[in-house]
Every structure is written in structure tokens, then in C-alpha cells.
Amino acid sequence: MNTELTDTAASTEALYATPLSDEQRLRFWPQYFGTIPQWITLEPRIFAWMDRLCDSYRGGVWRFHILSNGGAFMAPESEVDSNESWRLFNPMNGNGAEMSAEAAGIAACLLAYSHHASRTESDAMTAHFYRLRDYALSHAECSAIMHIID
């Protein structure tokens, strides 16, 4: 099989996210991240990133999503309105942006995934970062996400 053609075909397919049901949440971490060293620390680290990036973040329920390219991420649920904007500021790069809850979750996950990949030197974690980054690059709020993670 010609991998060049396969890679080209895959790169032209639109990536999409599918939210998981509450029943599927229990299997999310072990199913998608179970082979990664210290995977159990990812969820609290993502929460910590959101807390660091968003002054108005006070915890809450998060939705889990799987990506059509094999990736996965989580994003906070908006409490009042699904169109609620989240204001994020990254003190490490001085960039701020206003975005949806999904975009905010993507940014927090990308930062957590990047640091976890560096810390564990896990190729599987690096692959998760790139799958989510590919989705972020095709996301309507790509510019805002990239400003935060730059």
C-alpha cells in the first residue's frame, strides 16, 4: 500500500469530535491513555492548567470527547449558556484570548499533554498531543487556542 497516498487522503478528511456519554466516561482514561506512564495524573493536571489560565474557572463538570483521528480531550461544560465565553490568559507567554468552553478545554489539554509527554518521554503521549493539535488547527477557534499554547 502506498503510504503517501494514504497520508494525503487522511490529511484531507475533516477531523471531528464526538462527545462521550456519561456511561462511557468511566473507561475514557484507561482506554485512551492507559498505556502512558502516570496517565492517572492527567485529569488533575488539566484541571490545574485551566485554573492557572482562567481566573473565573471554579471547577465543575467536564465533557469527554474522542476525535476521528484517534485523539481524545476533555472540556468544561458551560454552566448557564452554551455560548458562554471563557477568558484565558497564559502568564508564561503573555497571551490572552476569549473562547468557547471547548476551545478552552483543548488549550488546557494541549498544555497538559505537551508537559506530560516531556516529563514521561512517552511516544504515545506525544502522539495524543499531535492528534489534538491537528484537531485544534482545524478548529474554528484555532487562532485563540494557538495564542494560549504558543
C-alpha atoms as a PDB file:
ATOM      1  CA  MET A   1       0.000   0.000   0.000  1.00  0.00           C
ATOM      2  CA  ASN A   2       1.273   3.462  -0.871  1.00  0.00           C
ATOM      3  CA  THR A   3       1.505   5.331   2.451  1.00  0.00           C
ATOM      4  CA  GLU A   4       1.991   8.674   0.704  1.00  0.00           C
ATOM      5  CA  LEU A   5      -1.480   8.406  -0.827  1.00  0.00           C
ATOM      6  CA  THR A   6      -2.940   7.178   2.463  1.00  0.00           C
ATOM      7  CA  ASP A   7      -1.374  10.073   4.389  1.00  0.00           C
ATOM      8  CA  THR A   8      -2.649  12.577   1.814  1.00  0.00           C
ATOM      9  CA  ALA A   9      -6.154  11.144   1.939  1.00  0.00           C
ATOM     10  CA  ALA A  10      -6.155  11.195   5.741  1.00  0.00           C
ATOM     11  CA  SER A  11      -4.948  14.794   5.846  1.00  0.00           C
ATOM     12  CA  THR A  12      -7.823  15.981   3.642  1.00  0.00           C
ATOM     13  CA  GLU A  13     -10.516  14.345   5.785  1.00  0.00           C
ATOM     14  CA  ALA A  14     -12.226  16.733   8.173  1.00  0.00           C
ATOM     15  CA  LEU A  15     -11.494  15.931  11.794  1.00  0.00           C
ATOM     16  CA  TYR A  16     -14.435  15.864  14.150  1.00  0.00           C
ATOM     17  CA  ALA A  17     -15.062  15.392  17.864  1.00  0.00           C
ATOM     18  CA  THR A  18     -17.694  13.140  19.377  1.00  0.00           C
ATOM     19  CA  PRO A  19     -18.772  13.744  22.984  1.00  0.00           C
ATOM     20  CA  LEU A  20     -18.927  10.625  25.142  1.00  0.00           C
ATOM     21  CA  SER A  21     -21.985   9.635  27.126  1.00  0.00           C
ATOM     22  CA  ASP A  22     -21.850   9.576  30.915  1.00  0.00           C
ATOM     23  CA  GLU A  23     -21.654   5.788  30.783  1.00  0.00           C
ATOM     24  CA  GLN A  24     -18.547   5.906  28.568  1.00  0.00           C
ATOM     25  CA  ARG A  25     -16.716   8.323  30.883  1.00  0.00           C
ATOM     26  CA  LEU A  26     -15.553   5.568  33.252  1.00  0.00           C
ATOM     27  CA  ARG A  27     -13.497   3.921  30.503  1.00  0.00           C
ATOM     28  CA  PHE A  28     -12.133   7.163  28.968  1.00  0.00           C
ATOM     29  CA  TRP A  29      -8.762   7.461  30.746  1.00  0.00           C
ATOM     30  CA  PRO A  30      -7.735   3.796  30.785  1.00  0.00           C
ATOM     31  CA  GLN A  31      -8.995   3.214  27.239  1.00  0.00           C
ATOM     32  CA  TYR A  32      -7.265   6.162  25.564  1.00  0.00           C
ATOM     33  CA  PHE A  33      -4.321   6.830  27.888  1.00  0.00           C
ATOM     34  CA  GLY A  34      -3.840   3.568  29.809  1.00  0.00           C
ATOM     35  CA  THR A  35      -0.501   2.721  28.177  1.00  0.00           C
ATOM     36  CA  ILE A  36       1.024   6.089  29.081  1.00  0.00           C
ATOM     37  CA  PRO A  37       3.160   6.309  32.227  1.00  0.00           C
ATOM     38  CA  GLN A  38       1.431   8.185  35.066  1.00  0.00           C
ATOM     39  CA  TRP A  39      -1.748   8.589  32.990  1.00  0.00           C
ATOM     40  CA  ILE A  40      -3.784   8.809  36.176  1.00  0.00           C
ATOM     41  CA  THR A  41      -2.311  12.280  36.855  1.00  0.00           C
ATOM     42  CA  LEU A  42      -3.531  13.765  33.553  1.00  0.00           C
ATOM     43  CA  GLU A  43      -7.042  14.759  34.620  1.00  0.00           C
ATOM     44  CA  PRO A  44      -5.993  16.736  37.716  1.00  0.00           C
ATOM     45  CA  ARG A  45      -3.183  18.363  35.714  1.00  0.00           C
ATOM     46  CA  ILE A  46      -5.687  19.513  33.091  1.00  0.00           C
ATOM     47  CA  PHE A  47      -7.843  20.992  35.862  1.00  0.00           C
ATOM     48  CA  ALA A  48      -4.740  22.739  37.230  1.00  0.00           C
ATOM     49  CA  TRP A  49      -3.940  24.199  33.799  1.00  0.00           C
ATOM     50  CA  MET A  50      -7.466  25.557  33.475  1.00  0.00           C
ATOM     51  CA  ASP A  51      -7.224  27.049  36.952  1.00  0.00           C
ATOM     52  CA  ARG A  52      -3.922  28.692  36.005  1.00  0.00           C
ATOM     53  CA  LEU A  53      -5.222  30.017  32.664  1.00  0.00           C
ATOM     54  CA  CYS A  54      -8.723  31.186  33.605  1.00  0.00           C
ATOM     55  CA  ASP A  55      -9.389  33.452  36.602  1.00  0.00           C
ATOM     56  CA  SER A  56     -13.106  32.714  36.507  1.00  0.00           C
ATOM     57  CA  TYR A  57     -12.702  28.918  36.456  1.00  0.00           C
ATOM     58  CA  ARG A  58     -14.157  27.370  39.613  1.00  0.00           C
ATOM     59  CA  GLY A  59     -14.239  23.692  38.746  1.00  0.00           C
ATOM     60  CA  GLY A  60     -17.290  21.891  37.502  1.00  0.00           C
ATOM     61  CA  VAL A  61     -18.326  19.113  35.160  1.00  0.00           C
ATOM     62  CA  TRP A  62     -16.194  18.368  32.116  1.00  0.00           C
ATOM     63  CA  ARG A  63     -17.259  16.602  28.903  1.00  0.00           C
ATOM     64  CA  PHE A  64     -15.027  13.950  27.360  1.00  0.00           C
ATOM     65  CA  HIS A  65     -14.576  13.835  23.585  1.00  0.00           C
ATOM     66  CA  ILE A  66     -12.962  11.403  21.176  1.00  0.00           C
ATOM     67  CA  LEU A  67     -11.554  12.537  17.837  1.00  0.00           C
ATOM     68  CA  SER A  68     -11.954  10.913  14.459  1.00  0.00           C
ATOM     69  CA  ASN A  69      -8.144  10.623  14.247  1.00  0.00           C
ATOM     70  CA  GLY A  70      -7.886   8.570  17.451  1.00  0.00           C
ATOM     71  CA  GLY A  71      -7.264  11.504  19.772  1.00  0.00           C
ATOM     72  CA  ALA A  72      -9.201  12.465  22.874  1.00  0.00           C
ATOM     73  CA  PHE A  73      -9.711  15.505  25.082  1.00  0.00           C
ATOM     74  CA  MET A  74     -11.947  16.986  27.736  1.00  0.00           C
ATOM     75  CA  ALA A  75     -13.611  20.387  28.019  1.00  0.00           C
ATOM     76  CA  PRO A  76     -15.562  22.120  30.772  1.00  0.00           C
ATOM     77  CA  GLU A  77     -19.321  22.374  30.460  1.00  0.00           C
ATOM     78  CA  SER A  78     -20.734  25.876  30.406  1.00  0.00           C
ATOM     79  CA  GLU A  79     -22.911  26.415  33.441  1.00  0.00           C
ATOM     80  CA  VAL A  80     -25.503  28.823  32.083  1.00  0.00           C
ATOM     81  CA  ASP A  81     -25.235  29.173  28.340  1.00  0.00           C
ATOM     82  CA  SER A  82     -23.549  27.011  25.722  1.00  0.00           C
ATOM     83  CA  ASN A  83     -22.344  30.218  24.039  1.00  0.00           C
ATOM     84  CA  GLU A  84     -20.600  31.398  27.209  1.00  0.00           C
ATOM     85  CA  SER A  85     -17.122  32.799  26.546  1.00  0.00           C
ATOM     86  CA  TRP A  86     -14.111  31.857  28.605  1.00  0.00           C
ATOM     87  CA  ARG A  87     -11.299  34.379  29.039  1.00  0.00           C
ATOM     88  CA  LEU A  88      -7.897  32.695  29.253  1.00  0.00           C
ATOM     89  CA  PHE A  89      -4.509  34.262  29.886  1.00  0.00           C
ATOM     90  CA  ASN A  90      -1.212  32.397  29.803  1.00  0.00           C
ATOM     91  CA  PRO A  91       1.277  34.178  32.090  1.00  0.00           C
ATOM     92  CA  MET A  92       4.131  32.143  30.585  1.00  0.00           C
ATOM     93  CA  ASN A  93       3.762  33.751  27.154  1.00  0.00           C
ATOM     94  CA  GLY A  94       1.725  36.873  27.969  1.00  0.00           C
ATOM     95  CA  ASN A  95      -1.072  35.919  25.567  1.00  0.00           C
ATOM     96  CA  GLY A  96      -4.756  36.074  26.281  1.00  0.00           C
ATOM     97  CA  ALA A  97      -7.843  35.058  24.314  1.00  0.00           C
ATOM     98  CA  GLU A  98     -11.589  34.706  24.668  1.00  0.00           C
ATOM     99  CA  MET A  99     -13.015  31.395  23.522  1.00  0.00           C
ATOM    100  CA  SER A 100     -15.697  28.745  23.908  1.00  0.00           C
ATOM    101  CA  ALA A 101     -15.578  26.105  26.620  1.00  0.00           C
ATOM    102  CA  GLU A 102     -14.497  23.513  24.045  1.00  0.00           C
ATOM    103  CA  ALA A 103     -11.596  25.658  22.827  1.00  0.00           C
ATOM    104  CA  ALA A 104     -10.563  26.384  26.427  1.00  0.00           C
ATOM    105  CA  GLY A 105     -10.536  22.653  27.167  1.00  0.00           C
ATOM    106  CA  ILE A 106      -8.480  21.979  24.055  1.00  0.00           C
ATOM    107  CA  ALA A 107      -5.921  24.610  25.107  1.00  0.00           C
ATOM    108  CA  ALA A 108      -5.666  23.218  28.650  1.00  0.00           C
ATOM    109  CA  CYS A 109      -5.353  19.649  27.336  1.00  0.00           C
ATOM    110  CA  LEU A 110      -2.686  20.597  24.795  1.00  0.00           C
ATOM    111  CA  LEU A 111      -0.568  22.222  27.505  1.00  0.00           C
ATOM    112  CA  ALA A 112      -1.036  19.263  29.844  1.00  0.00           C
ATOM    113  CA  TYR A 113      -0.314  16.740  27.073  1.00  0.00           C
ATOM    114  CA  SER A 114       2.837  18.582  25.999  1.00  0.00           C
ATOM    115  CA  HIS A 115       4.230  18.746  29.516  1.00  0.00           C
ATOM    116  CA  HIS A 116       3.274  15.151  30.274  1.00  0.00           C
ATOM    117  CA  ALA A 117       4.966  13.953  27.074  1.00  0.00           C
ATOM    118  CA  SER A 118       8.137  15.829  28.046  1.00  0.00           C
ATOM    119  CA  ARG A 119       8.032  14.584  31.624  1.00  0.00           C
ATOM    120  CA  THR A 120       7.435  10.918  30.763  1.00  0.00           C
ATOM    121  CA  GLU A 121       9.198  10.812  27.372  1.00  0.00           C
ATOM    122  CA  SER A 122       6.207   8.792  26.183  1.00  0.00           C
ATOM    123  CA  ASP A 123       5.789   8.443  22.419  1.00  0.00           C
ATOM    124  CA  ALA A 124       2.123   7.556  22.990  1.00  0.00           C
ATOM    125  CA  MET A 125       1.572  10.827  24.892  1.00  0.00           C
ATOM    126  CA  THR A 126       3.347  12.750  22.142  1.00  0.00           C
ATOM    127  CA  ALA A 127       1.011  11.114  19.613  1.00  0.00           C
ATOM    128  CA  HIS A 128      -2.006  12.243  21.670  1.00  0.00           C
ATOM    129  CA  PHE A 129      -0.656  15.794  21.673  1.00  0.00           C
ATOM    130  CA  TYR A 130      -0.310  15.818  17.883  1.00  0.00           C
ATOM    131  CA  ARG A 131      -3.748  14.285  17.302  1.00  0.00           C
ATOM    132  CA  LEU A 132      -5.332  17.003  19.420  1.00  0.00           C
ATOM    133  CA  ARG A 133      -3.164  19.688  17.864  1.00  0.00           C
ATOM    134  CA  ASP A 134      -4.313  18.584  14.400  1.00  0.00           C
ATOM    135  CA  TYR A 135      -7.905  18.979  15.566  1.00  0.00           C
ATOM    136  CA  ALA A 136      -7.076  22.383  17.069  1.00  0.00           C
ATOM    137  CA  LEU A 137      -5.531  23.509  13.775  1.00  0.00           C
ATOM    138  CA  SER A 138      -8.822  22.772  12.018  1.00  0.00           C
ATOM    139  CA  HIS A 139     -10.966  24.246  14.811  1.00  0.00           C
ATOM    140  CA  ALA A 140     -12.946  27.459  14.226  1.00  0.00           C
ATOM    141  CA  GLU A 141     -11.089  28.989  17.204  1.00  0.00           C
ATOM    142  CA  CYS A 142      -7.628  27.865  16.113  1.00  0.00           C
ATOM    143  CA  SER A 143      -6.097  31.324  16.457  1.00  0.00           C
ATOM    144  CA  ALA A 144      -7.262  31.746  20.057  1.00  0.00           C
ATOM    145  CA  ILE A 145      -6.101  28.247  21.043  1.00  0.00           C
ATOM    146  CA  MET A 146      -2.674  28.761  19.456  1.00  0.00           C
ATOM    147  CA  HIS A 147      -2.259  32.136  21.204  1.00  0.00           C
ATOM    148  CA  ILE A 148      -2.711  30.422  24.550  1.00  0.00           C
ATOM    149  CA  ILE A 149      -0.415  27.463  23.910  1.00  0.00           C
ATOM    150  CA  ASP A 150       2.284  29.326  21.947  1.00  0.00           C
END
